[in-house]
Amino acid sequence: MMMPLLKSQDCTDHDPIESWRPEDPAVVDYWLCLHIGPAEEKGADLFYVNVLSELAAHALSEEELARRKKIVIQQYSWPAVMSAVDQILRSSEGSDWTGITQKLRVRFDWEFENYREYKERT
């Protein structure tokens, strides 16, 4: 079985995200880019997830909240975010990278999400 591995992460709104401290940890809403690849290989694909505190999630409409691939945490902390990501990665092992990617796409937006549809239109 292959395991997906978080190789790095970044955030355009808060750089470096690992040391960012929100003004109010109860109100957090940002997009996180996760570089995830097979543990046995060097490369990685990009996956995006919306990190939200419960209070920020409640401020969104139900439709908007349902549309987003998200991690919702009660009170913001970087270890809480990493714990949620780690749980998702551990539940996404598979026999090949394609199968793992399919599992990850349930929780994260994948960089190639609309690539096939785009190629078919061009």
Protein backbone atom coordinates (compact mmCIF):
# COMPACT_ATOMS: atom_id res chain seq x y z
CA MET A 1 0.00 0.00 0.00
CA MET A 2 1.14 3.53 -0.80
CA MET A 3 0.85 6.36 1.70
CA PRO A 4 0.39 10.01 0.73
CA LEU A 5 2.93 12.30 2.36
CA LEU A 6 2.64 16.01 3.07
CA LYS A 7 5.90 17.34 1.67
CA SER A 8 5.30 21.05 2.29
CA GLN A 9 2.57 23.65 2.57
CA ASP A 10 2.08 27.32 1.88
CA CYS A 11 -0.51 30.06 2.10
CA THR A 12 -0.57 33.25 0.05
CA ASP A 13 -2.45 35.15 2.79
CA HIS A 14 -0.17 34.24 5.70
CA ASP A 15 3.48 33.46 4.99
CA PRO A 16 4.95 31.52 6.65
CA ILE A 17 1.70 29.87 7.67
CA GLU A 18 3.42 27.66 10.25
CA SER A 19 4.22 30.65 12.46
CA TRP A 20 1.18 32.85 11.71
CA ARG A 21 -0.89 33.83 14.74
CA PRO A 22 -4.38 35.18 14.04
CA GLU A 23 -5.60 38.24 15.87
CA ASP A 24 -8.60 36.19 17.05
CA PRO A 25 -8.10 32.38 16.94
CA ALA A 26 -11.89 31.94 17.06
CA VAL A 27 -12.34 33.72 13.70
CA VAL A 28 -10.14 32.19 10.98
CA ASP A 29 -10.80 31.70 7.27
CA TYR A 30 -7.96 31.11 4.75
CA TRP A 31 -6.95 28.76 1.93
CA LEU A 32 -4.03 26.41 2.48
CA CYS A 33 -2.01 24.81 -0.32
CA LEU A 34 -0.77 21.31 0.49
CA HIS A 35 2.05 19.69 -1.50
CA ILE A 36 1.22 15.99 -1.26
CA GLY A 37 2.93 13.13 -3.03
CA PRO A 38 3.77 9.45 -2.72
CA ALA A 39 6.07 8.86 0.25
CA GLU A 40 8.38 6.81 -2.00
CA GLU A 41 8.82 9.53 -4.65
CA LYS A 42 10.15 13.09 -4.85
CA GLY A 43 7.27 14.82 -6.64
CA ALA A 44 4.04 16.23 -5.25
CA ASP A 45 0.65 17.42 -6.46
CA LEU A 46 -0.98 20.56 -5.11
CA PHE A 47 -4.19 20.29 -3.10
CA TYR A 48 -6.12 23.22 -1.67
CA VAL A 49 -8.30 23.32 1.44
CA ASN A 50 -10.17 26.07 3.20
CA VAL A 51 -9.21 26.29 6.88
CA LEU A 52 -12.06 27.70 8.95
CA SER A 53 -12.83 28.17 12.60
CA GLU A 54 -16.32 27.07 13.63
CA LEU A 55 -17.34 30.72 14.12
CA ALA A 56 -16.17 31.65 10.60
CA ALA A 57 -17.94 28.59 9.15
CA HIS A 58 -21.22 29.64 10.80
CA ALA A 59 -20.94 33.06 9.16
CA LEU A 60 -21.14 31.48 5.67
CA SER A 61 -24.33 30.49 3.93
CA GLU A 62 -25.14 26.79 3.92
CA GLU A 63 -24.69 26.71 0.14
CA GLU A 64 -21.25 28.32 0.29
CA LEU A 65 -20.14 26.08 3.13
CA ALA A 66 -21.30 22.99 1.23
CA ARG A 67 -19.34 24.07 -1.88
CA ARG A 68 -15.99 24.41 -0.10
CA LYS A 69 -13.47 21.65 0.57
CA LYS A 70 -12.67 22.52 4.16
CA ILE A 71 -11.18 21.75 7.53
CA VAL A 72 -13.23 23.25 10.35
CA ILE A 73 -11.59 23.60 13.74
CA GLN A 74 -13.02 24.92 16.98
CA GLN A 75 -10.13 27.21 17.95
CA TYR A 76 -7.28 27.91 15.53
CA SER A 77 -3.83 26.50 16.10
CA TRP A 78 -1.30 25.23 13.58
CA PRO A 79 -1.02 21.85 15.39
CA ALA A 80 -4.83 21.45 15.12
CA VAL A 81 -4.67 22.08 11.36
CA MET A 82 -1.79 19.62 10.92
CA SER A 83 -3.60 17.00 12.99
CA ALA A 84 -6.67 17.28 10.72
CA VAL A 85 -4.50 17.04 7.58
CA ASP A 86 -2.66 14.02 9.00
CA GLN A 87 -5.95 12.22 9.71
CA ILE A 88 -7.07 12.79 6.12
CA LEU A 89 -3.74 11.54 4.73
CA ARG A 90 -3.81 8.42 6.91
CA SER A 91 -7.30 7.58 5.64
CA SER A 92 -6.23 8.00 2.00
CA GLU A 93 -3.70 5.21 1.49
CA GLY A 94 -4.12 3.16 -1.66
CA SER A 95 -2.52 0.73 -4.07
CA ASP A 96 -1.49 3.49 -6.52
CA TRP A 97 -1.27 7.28 -6.76
CA THR A 98 -4.40 7.53 -8.92
CA GLY A 99 -6.48 5.81 -6.24
CA ILE A 100 -4.96 7.96 -3.51
CA THR A 101 -5.68 11.11 -5.52
CA GLN A 102 -9.34 10.08 -5.85
CA LYS A 103 -9.59 9.78 -2.05
CA LEU A 104 -7.81 13.09 -1.45
CA ARG A 105 -10.12 14.89 -3.92
CA VAL A 106 -13.06 14.16 -1.63
CA ARG A 107 -11.54 16.46 1.01
CA PHE A 108 -9.25 18.76 -1.02
CA ASP A 109 -9.38 20.66 -4.31
CA TRP A 110 -6.77 19.11 -6.62
CA GLU A 111 -4.63 21.26 -8.93
CA PHE A 112 -5.72 19.18 -11.96
CA GLU A 113 -9.42 19.08 -10.96
CA ASN A 114 -10.74 20.53 -14.20
CA TYR A 115 -7.82 19.63 -16.46
CA ARG A 116 -9.61 16.85 -18.41
CA GLU A 117 -12.69 19.01 -19.05
CA TYR A 118 -10.45 21.89 -20.20
CA LYS A 119 -8.49 19.67 -22.60
CA GLU A 120 -11.73 18.32 -24.09
CA ARG A 121 -13.00 21.88 -24.78
CA THR A 122 -9.76 23.09 -26.43
